[in-house]
Amino acid sequence: MTAPATTQLLDLAAAGLRVLDLGRPLTVGMPQSPNHPAYWHAHPRRHGDLVRADGGSAANDMISMGTHVGTHVDALVHVSQDGLLYGGLDAGAALQGGRYVELGVQTVEPMVRRGVLLDVPGTLGVGRLEPGQEITVADLEATLERQGTTIGAGDVVLVRSGWGQHFDAGDRELFMGQSSGVPGVGEAGATWLAGRGVHAAGADTIAFERLAPGAGHGLLPAHRVLLVEHGIYIIETMDLEELAREEVHEFLFVLSPLPLVGATGSPARPLAVVGR
């Protein structure tokens, strides 16, 4: 980065930036995919369990969780098709010493990129989409036109369905959508995003893409298109409501996964940075 560019960034920060948190709080019992180990949090040491000679005390914690629980990013190694990962890598051979060293989440570089929100319910004139509703290519194109936004190569595109409202309301079973289904893009929508060269795609739902009523996570064609065929990262279980309320459709997107060597995904706390 050149000195003038650095100065501009510092001046912008001094003038005041606003950060919108797009991550979900991690709590025991929160909605999550049934395919992954649940989040658990405990205090093995509490204040007063051990008191030092000077009266000081400390507490500590331990957590256990799947790497695809809560707001998280999928590494390219997360999904294979016909035994192959992105780039034609053999999925079996990719496992070395119990870890996916190639394409594991430690290879996902921190994202500091242009972010674009596609507020589909806003375009359709509804508060949120229906269970199992597919977000079509026509919906995505109409949203771009309504918002007056564009998608460029390398952008991070976040698709809002409004389904995150069920997370906020504590409707665990409805958010998971095992029987009701969950709205989202399908194979055609994923191909449309890939055709625009996006770096990553995210959503406010449990699996990013449409889940048909009663089908659960049985078929995930958008994951195949994005992760396996095009090397595009997926970010799930995001909070996109504030962005939509304030009609923030373009922003600086910041996300950094944990460098969990050999893991297929990582919890993350994505941020949208905008001027005041």
Protein backbone atom coordinates (compact mmCIF):
# COMPACT_ATOMS: atom_id res chain seq x y z
CA MET A 1 0.00 0.00 0.00
CA THR A 2 1.35 3.42 -0.96
CA ALA A 3 1.87 6.19 1.59
CA PRO A 4 -0.94 8.39 0.13
CA ALA A 5 -3.37 5.47 0.27
CA THR A 6 -2.40 4.77 3.87
CA THR A 7 -2.92 8.43 4.75
CA GLN A 8 -6.36 8.38 3.13
CA LEU A 9 -7.34 5.34 5.18
CA LEU A 10 -6.11 6.96 8.40
CA ASP A 11 -7.97 10.17 7.58
CA LEU A 12 -11.14 8.21 6.91
CA ALA A 13 -10.79 6.36 10.22
CA ALA A 14 -10.22 9.63 12.06
CA ALA A 15 -13.33 11.13 10.48
CA GLY A 16 -15.36 8.29 11.92
CA LEU A 17 -16.29 4.84 10.72
CA ARG A 18 -19.29 2.78 11.70
CA VAL A 19 -19.00 -0.98 12.09
CA LEU A 20 -22.05 -3.22 11.67
CA ASP A 21 -21.63 -6.68 13.19
CA LEU A 22 -22.89 -9.39 10.81
CA GLY A 23 -22.08 -12.28 13.16
CA ARG A 24 -24.43 -14.17 15.46
CA PRO A 25 -23.75 -14.54 19.19
CA LEU A 26 -22.65 -18.05 20.17
CA THR A 27 -24.98 -19.51 22.80
CA VAL A 28 -25.68 -23.01 24.04
CA GLY A 29 -28.80 -24.35 22.31
CA MET A 30 -28.72 -21.90 19.39
CA PRO A 31 -30.12 -23.04 16.03
CA GLN A 32 -27.63 -24.96 13.93
CA SER A 33 -27.33 -27.65 11.33
CA PRO A 34 -27.96 -31.10 12.83
CA ASN A 35 -25.01 -32.38 10.78
CA HIS A 36 -22.45 -30.72 13.06
CA PRO A 37 -21.41 -31.00 16.73
CA ALA A 38 -23.29 -28.53 18.91
CA TYR A 39 -21.78 -25.53 20.64
CA TRP A 40 -21.03 -26.01 24.33
CA HIS A 41 -19.51 -23.60 26.83
CA ALA A 42 -18.48 -24.22 30.44
CA HIS A 43 -16.40 -22.64 33.19
CA PRO A 44 -13.93 -25.20 34.60
CA ARG A 45 -12.74 -22.50 37.01
CA ARG A 46 -14.95 -19.86 38.57
CA HIS A 47 -14.06 -16.87 40.72
CA GLY A 48 -13.51 -18.10 44.24
CA ASP A 49 -12.58 -21.66 43.27
CA LEU A 50 -8.96 -20.67 43.72
CA VAL A 51 -7.99 -17.51 45.58
CA ARG A 52 -4.41 -16.28 45.57
CA ALA A 53 -2.62 -15.14 48.71
CA ASP A 54 -3.31 -11.50 47.80
CA GLY A 55 -7.04 -12.13 47.35
CA GLY A 56 -6.93 -12.25 43.56
CA SER A 57 -8.97 -14.79 41.64
CA ALA A 58 -9.49 -15.71 37.98
CA ALA A 59 -12.09 -17.57 35.97
CA ASN A 60 -11.60 -19.43 32.71
CA ASP A 61 -13.63 -21.17 30.05
CA MET A 62 -13.69 -24.06 27.65
CA ILE A 63 -15.77 -24.48 24.50
CA SER A 64 -16.51 -27.31 22.11
CA MET A 65 -18.25 -26.90 18.80
CA GLY A 66 -18.33 -27.93 15.19
CA THR A 67 -16.58 -25.63 12.75
CA HIS A 68 -19.85 -25.13 10.83
CA VAL A 69 -21.87 -23.86 13.79
CA GLY A 70 -23.01 -20.28 14.27
CA THR A 71 -21.72 -17.68 11.81
CA HIS A 72 -18.94 -19.42 9.92
CA VAL A 73 -17.07 -19.71 6.64
CA ASP A 74 -16.80 -22.90 4.58
CA ALA A 75 -13.34 -23.78 3.35
CA LEU A 76 -13.03 -25.26 -0.14
CA VAL A 77 -12.29 -28.68 1.35
CA HIS A 78 -15.75 -28.79 2.92
CA VAL A 79 -17.51 -30.37 -0.08
CA SER A 80 -16.43 -32.86 -2.72
CA GLN A 81 -18.17 -34.12 -5.84
CA ASP A 82 -17.57 -37.61 -7.23
CA GLY A 83 -14.51 -37.90 -5.01
CA LEU A 84 -12.93 -34.64 -6.14
CA LEU A 85 -12.41 -31.27 -4.46
CA TYR A 86 -11.89 -27.86 -6.06
CA GLY A 87 -9.19 -27.95 -8.70
CA GLY A 88 -9.60 -31.69 -9.25
CA LEU A 89 -7.85 -32.61 -6.00
CA ASP A 90 -8.57 -36.17 -4.89
CA ALA A 91 -10.63 -35.91 -1.70
CA GLY A 92 -9.18 -39.08 -0.21
CA ALA A 93 -5.59 -38.11 -0.86
CA ALA A 94 -6.22 -34.62 0.58
CA LEU A 95 -6.53 -36.08 4.07
CA GLN A 96 -3.00 -36.21 5.50
CA GLY A 97 -2.38 -37.24 9.08
CA GLY A 98 -6.02 -36.72 9.93
CA ARG A 99 -6.10 -33.16 8.56
CA TYR A 100 -7.04 -31.58 5.25
CA VAL A 101 -3.84 -29.64 4.73
CA GLU A 102 -4.66 -28.60 1.17
CA LEU A 103 -7.69 -26.32 0.88
CA GLY A 104 -8.23 -26.39 4.65
CA VAL A 105 -9.56 -23.28 6.33
CA GLN A 106 -6.04 -22.15 7.24
CA THR A 107 -5.60 -21.38 3.54
CA VAL A 108 -8.47 -18.86 3.55
CA GLU A 109 -6.85 -15.44 3.65
CA PRO A 110 -8.46 -12.65 5.70
CA MET A 111 -11.08 -10.85 3.61
CA VAL A 112 -10.98 -7.08 3.32
CA ARG A 113 -13.09 -6.55 0.23
CA ARG A 114 -16.00 -4.70 -1.28
CA GLY A 115 -19.22 -6.12 0.10
CA VAL A 116 -22.62 -6.05 -1.58
CA LEU A 117 -25.97 -6.77 0.07
CA LEU A 118 -28.74 -8.16 -2.11
CA ASP A 119 -31.93 -7.51 -0.14
CA VAL A 120 -34.31 -9.83 -1.95
CA PRO A 121 -37.34 -9.36 0.39
CA GLY A 122 -36.97 -5.62 -0.11
CA THR A 123 -37.29 -6.14 -3.85
CA LEU A 124 -40.28 -8.47 -3.54
CA GLY A 125 -42.03 -6.19 -1.06
CA VAL A 126 -42.16 -8.67 1.82
CA GLY A 127 -40.64 -8.83 5.28
CA ARG A 128 -39.08 -12.23 4.66
CA LEU A 129 -39.28 -15.04 2.14
CA GLU A 130 -41.42 -18.15 2.51
CA PRO A 131 -40.13 -21.53 3.75
CA GLY A 132 -38.37 -23.35 0.93
CA GLN A 133 -38.70 -20.42 -1.48
CA GLU A 134 -36.02 -20.36 -4.16
CA ILE A 135 -34.27 -17.07 -4.82
CA THR A 136 -34.18 -17.04 -8.61
CA VAL A 137 -31.79 -15.37 -11.01
CA ALA A 138 -34.62 -12.97 -11.87
CA ASP A 139 -34.89 -12.06 -8.17
CA LEU A 140 -31.16 -11.37 -7.94
CA GLU A 141 -31.10 -9.27 -11.11
CA ALA A 142 -34.19 -7.32 -10.06
CA THR A 143 -32.56 -6.61 -6.68
CA LEU A 144 -29.43 -5.23 -8.31
CA GLU A 145 -31.57 -2.98 -10.50
CA ARG A 146 -33.75 -1.75 -7.62
CA GLN A 147 -30.76 -0.99 -5.41
CA GLY A 148 -28.72 0.56 -8.20
CA THR A 149 -25.75 -1.61 -7.24
CA THR A 150 -23.32 -3.68 -9.26
CA ILE A 151 -21.29 -6.81 -8.57
CA GLY A 152 -17.62 -6.84 -9.49
CA ALA A 153 -15.03 -9.59 -9.62
CA GLY A 154 -13.63 -10.28 -6.15
CA ASP A 155 -16.64 -8.89 -4.28
CA VAL A 156 -18.30 -10.60 -1.33
CA VAL A 157 -22.04 -10.84 -2.03
CA LEU A 158 -24.48 -11.32 0.85
CA VAL A 159 -27.98 -12.51 -0.03
CA ARG A 160 -30.69 -11.58 2.47
CA SER A 161 -33.83 -13.71 2.70
CA GLY A 162 -35.13 -12.31 6.00
CA TRP A 163 -34.94 -15.80 7.48
CA GLY A 164 -32.58 -14.52 10.16
CA GLN A 165 -35.62 -13.03 11.88
CA HIS A 166 -36.41 -16.55 13.13
CA PHE A 167 -32.97 -16.73 14.76
CA ASP A 168 -33.63 -13.40 16.49
CA ALA A 169 -37.01 -14.62 17.69
CA GLY A 170 -35.61 -17.87 19.08
CA ASP A 171 -37.63 -20.00 16.65
CA ARG A 172 -35.02 -22.74 16.62
CA GLU A 173 -36.89 -25.42 14.68
CA LEU A 174 -38.23 -22.98 12.10
CA PHE A 175 -34.81 -21.45 11.49
CA MET A 176 -33.32 -24.93 11.00
CA GLY A 177 -36.13 -25.75 8.57
CA GLN A 178 -35.78 -29.52 8.60
CA SER A 179 -39.48 -30.00 7.85
CA SER A 180 -40.58 -26.55 6.66
CA GLY A 181 -37.69 -25.80 4.36
CA VAL A 182 -35.50 -22.70 4.16
CA PRO A 183 -35.37 -20.02 1.43
CA GLY A 184 -32.22 -19.40 -0.53
CA VAL A 185 -30.50 -19.48 -3.90
CA GLY A 186 -30.53 -22.69 -5.87
CA GLU A 187 -28.14 -24.09 -8.44
CA ALA A 188 -29.06 -21.43 -11.01
CA GLY A 189 -28.52 -18.59 -8.54
CA ALA A 190 -25.16 -20.00 -7.49
CA THR A 191 -24.09 -20.27 -11.14
CA TRP A 192 -25.17 -16.64 -11.64
CA LEU A 193 -23.01 -15.52 -8.69
CA ALA A 194 -20.06 -17.57 -9.90
CA GLY A 195 -20.36 -16.03 -13.34
CA ARG A 196 -19.70 -12.63 -11.79
CA GLY A 197 -16.43 -13.81 -10.26
CA VAL A 198 -17.35 -13.22 -6.63
CA HIS A 199 -14.81 -14.12 -3.96
CA ALA A 200 -17.35 -15.31 -1.41
CA ALA A 201 -21.11 -15.53 -1.00
CA GLY A 202 -23.03 -15.36 2.25
CA ALA A 203 -26.56 -15.51 3.56
CA ASP A 204 -28.68 -15.21 6.70
CA THR A 205 -29.66 -18.88 6.62
CA ILE A 206 -28.33 -22.12 8.03
CA ALA A 207 -27.03 -23.57 4.76
CA PHE A 208 -26.83 -20.55 2.40
CA GLU A 209 -28.89 -22.23 -0.29
CA ARG A 210 -32.53 -23.23 -0.59
CA LEU A 211 -33.61 -26.24 1.46
CA ALA A 212 -36.74 -27.85 0.08
CA PRO A 213 -39.53 -28.61 2.58
CA GLY A 214 -38.93 -31.98 4.19
CA ALA A 215 -35.58 -32.48 2.45
CA GLY A 216 -33.27 -31.13 5.15
CA HIS A 217 -29.66 -30.98 4.02
CA GLY A 218 -30.02 -33.93 1.65
CA LEU A 219 -29.02 -32.10 -1.54
CA LEU A 220 -26.86 -28.97 -1.70
CA PRO A 221 -26.20 -28.15 -5.37
CA ALA A 222 -25.21 -24.53 -4.70
CA HIS A 223 -22.39 -25.77 -2.45
CA ARG A 224 -21.12 -27.90 -5.31
CA VAL A 225 -21.25 -25.01 -7.77
CA LEU A 226 -19.53 -22.51 -5.50
CA LEU A 227 -17.02 -24.56 -3.49
CA VAL A 228 -16.12 -27.41 -5.84
CA GLU A 229 -16.58 -25.97 -9.30
CA HIS A 230 -15.52 -22.35 -8.79
CA GLY A 231 -13.52 -22.08 -5.56
CA ILE A 232 -15.90 -19.53 -3.99
CA TYR A 233 -16.18 -19.45 -0.20
CA ILE A 234 -19.56 -19.65 1.55
CA ILE A 235 -20.51 -17.76 4.71
CA GLU A 236 -23.59 -18.92 6.62
CA THR A 237 -25.87 -17.88 9.50
CA MET A 238 -25.21 -14.18 9.14
CA ASP A 239 -27.17 -11.27 10.64
CA LEU A 240 -28.18 -9.07 7.72
CA GLU A 241 -31.18 -7.30 9.24
CA GLU A 242 -29.45 -4.06 10.25
CA LEU A 243 -27.84 -3.68 6.83
CA ALA A 244 -31.27 -4.04 5.23
CA ARG A 245 -33.04 -1.68 7.64
CA GLU A 246 -30.50 1.04 6.95
CA GLU A 247 -30.38 0.25 3.22
CA VAL A 248 -26.62 -0.24 3.28
CA HIS A 249 -26.04 -2.08 0.03
CA GLU A 250 -22.30 -1.43 -0.45
CA PHE A 251 -19.64 -1.48 2.26
CA LEU A 252 -16.16 -2.60 3.21
CA PHE A 253 -16.45 -6.26 4.19
CA VAL A 254 -14.01 -7.65 6.76
CA LEU A 255 -13.74 -11.30 7.84
CA SER A 256 -10.94 -13.43 9.21
CA PRO A 257 -11.38 -17.15 9.94
CA LEU A 258 -9.45 -18.88 12.68
CA PRO A 259 -6.34 -20.58 11.22
CA LEU A 260 -7.48 -24.08 12.21
CA VAL A 261 -4.98 -26.21 10.32
CA GLY A 262 -6.69 -28.92 8.32
CA ALA A 263 -10.24 -27.88 9.28
CA THR A 264 -13.14 -27.71 6.81
CA GLY A 265 -14.50 -24.44 8.17
CA SER A 266 -14.18 -21.89 10.93
CA PRO A 267 -16.34 -19.70 13.14
CA ALA A 268 -16.06 -16.08 12.04
CA ARG A 269 -17.26 -12.59 12.93
CA PRO A 270 -17.86 -10.72 9.67
CA LEU A 271 -18.09 -6.92 9.77
CA ALA A 272 -19.49 -4.28 7.45
CA VAL A 273 -17.58 -0.99 7.70
CA VAL A 274 -19.26 2.19 6.45
CA GLY A 275 -18.73 5.90 6.80
CA ARG A 276 -20.76 7.87 9.31
